[in-house]
């Protein structure tokens, strides 16, 4: 496709036809500014062009749910490399449209353009969300507990399994890749965030680029607190470990869309409520009085480092 805004014909047949205004949305209120509203953004650029649209939308929605808000509507910006064929654009748009209907999010507008100099598609989704009635986020405090849902490294492991399947098959049976890729079904944090909000959550932080270590840093930073986390208590799937060992990367620094950190003063009650929803959850640490962010591993301890590049980006 040519550099610049895509033609009207391409826009109609490959984008608008697949990203509709979602007429069957349950709550069809128009988005407008208000005291209990906010905007959240999800950005994904990836070799796996077909899935970057839904992942961007889901990431924006996860940000909203982690803030105790319900996503309502949004806009989509799709930037494409020159060599990308129109059929790939159609797949991205269709992917976004299907995910928007699934999440009950109304797509209001967007922009699609071919940009010189980029290698992979870049999809940006801006989401308008409304605060859940009765929810009031508080600052984490000394002595409260950190509960983690699901597992670290899920989305990063799935991405690597899809991209480097042939290389992984030289060591592992096919079911390892299949089980790793199947973890995408757990990427949404909607259920656990909703349960946490109505029960025992003080504040929340979703996990994405940089994995659980990055999310823990962000949690401590935005609350101005320290924390102590036991490495052995952080849940990780065996198939994710296998993929990480193959590429010699750290699963705790690997993209973890779908995992959620919840600070609470009543961890047992919260975990029981989450387990009733069939959501894996466990206490991994606690909030401390000072601002040190410490990872404990047996008798050893080390300070958590400021997050850098996601481990999945270290693989070539």
Protein backbone atom coordinates (compact mmCIF):
# COMPACT_ATOMS: atom_id res chain seq x y z
CA UNK A 1 0.00 0.00 0.00
CA UNK A 2 1.08 3.59 -0.63
CA UNK A 3 2.36 5.90 2.11
CA UNK A 4 -0.31 8.20 3.53
CA UNK A 5 -3.90 7.94 4.65
CA UNK A 6 -5.48 4.85 3.09
CA UNK A 7 -7.96 5.35 0.26
CA UNK A 8 -11.67 5.56 0.95
CA UNK A 9 -12.28 2.25 -0.84
CA UNK A 10 -9.70 0.42 1.29
CA UNK A 11 -11.04 2.08 4.42
CA UNK A 12 -14.60 0.99 3.69
CA UNK A 13 -13.93 -2.60 2.62
CA UNK A 14 -11.11 -3.50 5.04
CA UNK A 15 -11.66 -1.35 8.14
CA UNK A 16 -15.17 0.08 8.54
CA UNK A 17 -16.78 -3.14 7.37
CA UNK A 18 -15.03 -4.99 10.20
CA UNK A 19 -15.07 -2.38 12.98
CA UNK A 20 -18.72 -1.47 13.30
CA UNK A 21 -20.46 0.84 15.74
CA UNK A 22 -21.56 -2.24 17.68
CA UNK A 23 -25.34 -1.73 17.55
CA UNK A 24 -25.98 -4.52 20.02
CA UNK A 25 -23.99 -2.96 22.86
CA UNK A 26 -25.86 -3.51 26.12
CA UNK A 27 -25.13 -0.05 27.49
CA UNK A 28 -25.37 2.29 24.52
CA UNK A 29 -24.75 5.60 26.26
CA UNK A 30 -22.58 8.05 24.37
CA UNK A 31 -19.20 8.85 25.87
CA UNK A 32 -18.92 12.20 27.53
CA UNK A 33 -16.62 13.85 30.05
CA UNK A 34 -17.50 13.65 33.71
CA UNK A 35 -16.03 13.64 37.18
CA UNK A 36 -15.96 9.84 37.36
CA UNK A 37 -14.52 9.20 33.89
CA UNK A 38 -11.06 8.59 32.47
CA UNK A 39 -9.19 7.63 29.31
CA UNK A 40 -6.82 4.69 28.96
CA UNK A 41 -4.51 3.71 26.12
CA UNK A 42 -3.26 0.40 24.81
CA UNK A 43 -0.45 0.32 22.22
CA UNK A 44 0.85 -2.82 20.53
CA UNK A 45 3.40 -3.22 17.73
CA UNK A 46 4.15 -6.79 16.81
CA UNK A 47 5.30 -9.17 14.11
CA UNK A 48 2.06 -11.07 14.69
CA UNK A 49 0.02 -8.48 12.74
CA UNK A 50 -3.35 -10.19 12.94
CA UNK A 51 -3.49 -10.23 16.75
CA UNK A 52 -1.99 -6.81 17.56
CA UNK A 53 -5.40 -5.13 17.24
CA UNK A 54 -7.21 -7.20 19.84
CA UNK A 55 -4.21 -7.11 22.15
CA UNK A 56 -4.11 -3.30 22.02
CA UNK A 57 -7.83 -3.08 22.81
CA UNK A 58 -7.57 -5.63 25.60
CA UNK A 59 -4.54 -3.87 27.10
CA UNK A 60 -6.43 -0.55 27.23
CA UNK A 61 -9.42 -2.27 28.84
CA UNK A 62 -7.18 -4.02 31.37
CA UNK A 63 -5.78 -0.63 32.37
CA UNK A 64 -9.33 0.62 32.93
CA UNK A 65 -10.44 -2.43 34.93
CA UNK A 66 -7.34 -2.19 37.12
CA UNK A 67 -8.35 1.39 37.93
CA UNK A 68 -11.80 0.24 39.02
CA UNK A 69 -13.49 1.49 35.88
CA UNK A 70 -15.71 0.00 33.17
CA UNK A 71 -14.64 0.54 29.52
CA UNK A 72 -17.45 1.99 27.42
CA UNK A 73 -16.18 3.34 24.11
CA UNK A 74 -13.00 4.09 22.23
CA UNK A 75 -11.09 4.98 19.10
CA UNK A 76 -8.57 2.97 17.09
CA UNK A 77 -5.46 4.24 15.27
CA UNK A 78 -3.77 1.78 12.88
CA UNK A 79 -0.37 2.66 11.42
CA UNK A 80 0.90 0.31 8.73
CA UNK A 81 4.26 -0.36 7.04
CA UNK A 82 4.39 0.11 3.26
CA UNK A 83 4.90 -3.57 2.47
CA UNK A 84 1.89 -4.76 4.46
CA UNK A 85 -0.81 -6.18 2.20
CA UNK A 86 -4.40 -4.98 2.47
CA UNK A 87 -5.54 -8.44 3.56
CA UNK A 88 -3.47 -7.98 6.74
CA UNK A 89 -5.18 -4.65 7.44
CA UNK A 90 -8.53 -6.36 7.02
CA UNK A 91 -7.47 -9.05 9.51
CA UNK A 92 -6.40 -6.43 12.07
CA UNK A 93 -9.66 -4.50 11.73
CA UNK A 94 -11.77 -7.64 11.95
CA UNK A 95 -9.82 -8.68 15.04
CA UNK A 96 -10.46 -5.34 16.76
CA UNK A 97 -14.14 -5.43 15.86
CA UNK A 98 -14.67 -8.94 17.23
CA UNK A 99 -12.88 -8.11 20.50
CA UNK A 100 -14.84 -4.86 20.89
CA UNK A 101 -18.13 -6.75 20.61
CA UNK A 102 -16.91 -9.40 23.05
CA UNK A 103 -15.89 -6.74 25.61
CA UNK A 104 -19.03 -4.63 25.08
CA UNK A 105 -16.98 -1.62 23.96
CA UNK A 106 -18.32 0.76 21.32
CA UNK A 107 -15.75 1.90 18.73
CA UNK A 108 -16.63 5.51 17.87
CA UNK A 109 -13.90 6.58 15.46
CA UNK A 110 -10.34 5.97 14.31
CA UNK A 111 -7.56 6.62 11.83
CA UNK A 112 -5.71 4.34 9.40
CA UNK A 113 -2.49 5.34 7.64
CA UNK A 114 0.50 3.80 5.87
CA UNK A 115 3.70 5.23 7.33
CA UNK A 116 7.16 5.05 5.79
CA UNK A 117 10.00 3.74 7.95
CA UNK A 118 8.10 1.38 10.26
CA UNK A 119 8.52 -2.39 10.04
CA UNK A 120 5.47 -3.73 11.88
CA UNK A 121 1.91 -2.47 12.34
CA UNK A 122 1.30 -0.17 15.30
CA UNK A 123 -2.19 -0.23 16.80
CA UNK A 124 -3.22 2.34 19.40
CA UNK A 125 -6.56 2.07 21.18
CA UNK A 126 -7.86 4.91 23.36
CA UNK A 127 -10.62 3.84 25.73
CA UNK A 128 -13.17 5.98 27.57
CA UNK A 129 -14.13 4.37 30.88
CA UNK A 130 -16.50 5.15 33.73
CA UNK A 131 -15.83 4.60 37.42
CA UNK A 132 -17.59 1.63 39.03
CA UNK A 133 -20.16 2.89 41.53
CA UNK A 134 -18.98 2.59 45.12
CA UNK A 135 -15.33 2.02 44.29
CA UNK A 136 -12.74 4.33 45.80
CA UNK A 137 -9.09 3.52 45.23
CA UNK A 138 -6.86 4.11 48.26
CA UNK A 139 -3.11 4.24 48.83
CA UNK A 140 -1.42 0.99 49.80
CA UNK A 141 -0.29 0.98 53.44
CA UNK A 142 2.22 -0.83 55.62
CA UNK A 143 1.17 -4.37 56.55
CA UNK A 144 -1.28 -4.88 53.70
CA UNK A 145 -0.83 -7.88 51.41
CA UNK A 146 -0.15 -8.23 47.69
CA UNK A 147 -2.33 -10.82 45.97
CA UNK A 148 -1.47 -11.87 42.41
CA UNK A 149 -3.93 -13.48 40.00
CA UNK A 150 -3.08 -16.02 37.30
CA UNK A 151 0.57 -16.38 36.23
CA UNK A 152 3.60 -14.35 35.24
CA UNK A 153 4.92 -14.36 31.66
CA UNK A 154 1.68 -15.56 30.06
CA UNK A 155 1.41 -13.25 27.07
CA UNK A 156 5.14 -13.04 26.47
CA UNK A 157 5.49 -16.81 26.45
CA UNK A 158 2.53 -17.17 24.11
CA UNK A 159 4.00 -14.58 21.73
CA UNK A 160 7.32 -16.40 21.60
CA UNK A 161 5.65 -19.79 21.14
CA UNK A 162 3.70 -18.45 18.15
CA UNK A 163 6.64 -16.61 16.55
CA UNK A 164 9.33 -19.26 17.03
CA UNK A 165 7.32 -22.45 16.92
CA UNK A 166 9.72 -24.24 14.54
CA UNK A 167 12.73 -23.46 16.72
CA UNK A 168 10.97 -24.61 19.87
CA UNK A 169 9.89 -27.85 18.17
CA UNK A 170 13.56 -28.85 17.94
CA UNK A 171 13.49 -29.41 21.71
CA UNK A 172 9.87 -29.66 22.89
CA UNK A 173 6.77 -31.58 21.78
CA UNK A 174 4.05 -29.62 19.98
CA UNK A 175 1.69 -29.63 22.98
CA UNK A 176 4.05 -27.28 24.87
CA UNK A 177 3.52 -24.58 22.23
CA UNK A 178 -0.19 -25.31 22.02
CA UNK A 179 -0.68 -24.97 25.78
CA UNK A 180 1.43 -21.80 25.86
CA UNK A 181 -0.53 -20.16 23.04
CA UNK A 182 -3.82 -21.24 24.68
CA UNK A 183 -3.02 -18.96 27.64
CA UNK A 184 -4.49 -16.07 25.60
CA UNK A 185 -7.89 -17.06 26.98
CA UNK A 186 -6.72 -15.65 30.35
CA UNK A 187 -5.55 -12.20 29.14
CA UNK A 188 -8.62 -10.30 30.34
CA UNK A 189 -8.65 -9.17 33.99
CA UNK A 190 -12.30 -8.09 33.91
CA UNK A 191 -13.64 -10.81 36.25
CA UNK A 192 -10.98 -10.53 38.95
CA UNK A 193 -10.97 -6.73 38.93
CA UNK A 194 -14.76 -6.69 39.31
CA UNK A 195 -14.59 -9.17 42.18
CA UNK A 196 -11.78 -7.25 43.91
CA UNK A 197 -13.60 -3.93 43.61
CA UNK A 198 -16.75 -5.20 45.28
CA UNK A 199 -14.93 -7.07 48.04
CA UNK A 200 -11.59 -6.30 49.61
CA UNK A 201 -9.27 -4.40 47.23
CA UNK A 202 -7.40 -1.28 48.34
CA UNK A 203 -5.74 -0.67 44.96
CA UNK A 204 -4.73 -2.66 41.89
CA UNK A 205 -2.07 -2.75 39.19
CA UNK A 206 -2.26 -4.81 36.01
CA UNK A 207 0.78 -6.53 34.50
CA UNK A 208 1.96 -6.08 30.91
CA UNK A 209 5.39 -5.22 29.44
CA UNK A 210 8.24 -6.07 31.79
CA UNK A 211 6.21 -8.72 33.59
CA UNK A 212 5.57 -9.09 37.29
CA UNK A 213 8.78 -7.30 38.31
CA UNK A 214 7.79 -4.20 36.31
CA UNK A 215 4.25 -4.31 37.76
CA UNK A 216 5.60 -4.56 41.31
CA UNK A 217 7.87 -1.58 40.69
CA UNK A 218 4.94 0.43 39.33
CA UNK A 219 2.78 -0.56 42.32
CA UNK A 220 5.39 0.64 44.80
CA UNK A 221 6.18 3.76 42.81
CA UNK A 222 2.63 5.06 42.38
CA UNK A 223 1.80 4.38 46.05
CA UNK A 224 5.11 5.65 47.42
CA UNK A 225 5.64 2.47 49.46
CA UNK A 226 8.08 -0.40 49.82
CA UNK A 227 7.33 -4.06 49.45
CA UNK A 228 8.67 -7.53 50.16
CA UNK A 229 7.88 -10.33 47.72
CA UNK A 230 8.79 -14.01 47.90
CA UNK A 231 10.01 -15.19 44.52
CA UNK A 232 8.87 -18.78 45.13
CA UNK A 233 5.30 -17.56 45.73
CA UNK A 234 4.98 -15.89 42.31
CA UNK A 235 2.93 -18.31 40.17
CA UNK A 236 4.33 -19.30 36.78
CA UNK A 237 3.15 -21.99 34.36
CA UNK A 238 5.50 -24.85 33.51
CA UNK A 239 5.05 -24.29 29.76
CA UNK A 240 6.16 -20.66 30.24
CA UNK A 241 9.25 -21.88 32.09
CA UNK A 242 10.08 -24.24 29.22
CA UNK A 243 9.89 -21.43 26.66
CA UNK A 244 11.97 -19.11 28.85
CA UNK A 245 14.65 -21.76 29.40
CA UNK A 246 14.93 -22.31 25.64
CA UNK A 247 15.62 -18.61 25.02
CA UNK A 248 17.51 -18.04 28.31
CA UNK A 249 15.20 -15.25 29.45
CA UNK A 250 13.62 -14.33 32.80
CA UNK A 251 9.90 -15.26 33.16
CA UNK A 252 9.51 -12.61 35.87
CA UNK A 253 10.47 -9.89 33.38
CA UNK A 254 8.32 -11.26 30.57
CA UNK A 255 5.12 -9.65 29.28
CA UNK A 256 2.27 -10.76 31.58
CA UNK A 257 -1.04 -9.44 30.24
CA UNK A 258 -3.83 -11.10 32.23
CA UNK A 259 -2.09 -11.07 35.62
CA UNK A 260 -3.31 -8.55 38.22
CA UNK A 261 -1.79 -7.30 41.48
CA UNK A 262 -4.32 -6.51 44.20
CA UNK A 263 -3.41 -4.87 47.51
CA UNK A 264 -5.72 -5.88 50.34
CA UNK A 265 -5.95 -6.09 54.11
CA UNK A 266 -8.02 -9.29 53.86
CA UNK A 267 -6.11 -11.66 51.59
CA UNK A 268 -7.85 -14.88 52.67
CA UNK A 269 -11.32 -13.49 51.98
CA UNK A 270 -10.25 -12.03 48.63
CA UNK A 271 -8.56 -15.25 47.48
CA UNK A 272 -11.61 -17.29 48.50
CA UNK A 273 -13.85 -14.98 46.46
CA UNK A 274 -11.55 -15.24 43.44
CA UNK A 275 -11.30 -19.02 43.68
CA UNK A 276 -15.10 -19.21 43.59
CA UNK A 277 -14.81 -17.47 40.21
CA UNK A 278 -12.22 -20.10 39.11
CA UNK A 279 -9.48 -17.47 39.12
CA UNK A 280 -6.03 -18.53 40.30
CA UNK A 281 -4.85 -16.19 43.08
CA UNK A 282 -2.16 -16.25 45.76
CA UNK A 283 -0.40 -13.96 48.25
CA UNK A 284 3.08 -13.13 46.95
CA UNK A 285 4.18 -10.44 49.42
CA UNK A 286 3.29 -7.47 51.57
CA UNK A 287 3.57 -3.69 51.71
CA UNK A 288 6.35 -2.35 53.96
CA UNK A 289 6.86 0.88 55.85
CA UNK A 290 10.06 1.97 54.09
CA UNK A 291 10.42 2.42 50.35
CA UNK A 292 12.71 -0.54 49.70
CA UNK A 293 11.37 -2.97 47.10
CA UNK A 294 12.81 -6.34 47.96
CA UNK A 295 12.62 -9.75 46.29
CA UNK A 296 13.27 -12.66 48.66
CA UNK A 297 14.62 -15.98 47.38
CA UNK A 298 15.30 -18.37 50.25
CA UNK A 299 17.99 -16.80 52.42
CA UNK A 300 18.91 -14.31 49.73
CA UNK A 301 17.36 -10.94 49.04
CA UNK A 302 17.87 -8.35 46.35
CA UNK A 303 16.43 -4.99 45.49
CA UNK A 304 13.93 -4.75 42.67
CA UNK A 305 15.33 -2.80 39.73
CA UNK A 306 13.51 -0.17 37.71
CA UNK A 307 11.91 -1.95 34.72
CA UNK A 308 13.66 -1.90 31.39
CA UNK A 309 13.05 -3.71 28.10
CA UNK A 310 10.59 -6.61 28.14
CA UNK A 311 12.39 -9.97 27.95
CA UNK A 312 10.44 -11.01 24.85
CA UNK A 313 12.22 -8.22 22.96
CA UNK A 314 15.56 -9.88 23.75
CA UNK A 315 14.81 -12.80 21.43
CA UNK A 316 15.78 -12.66 17.76
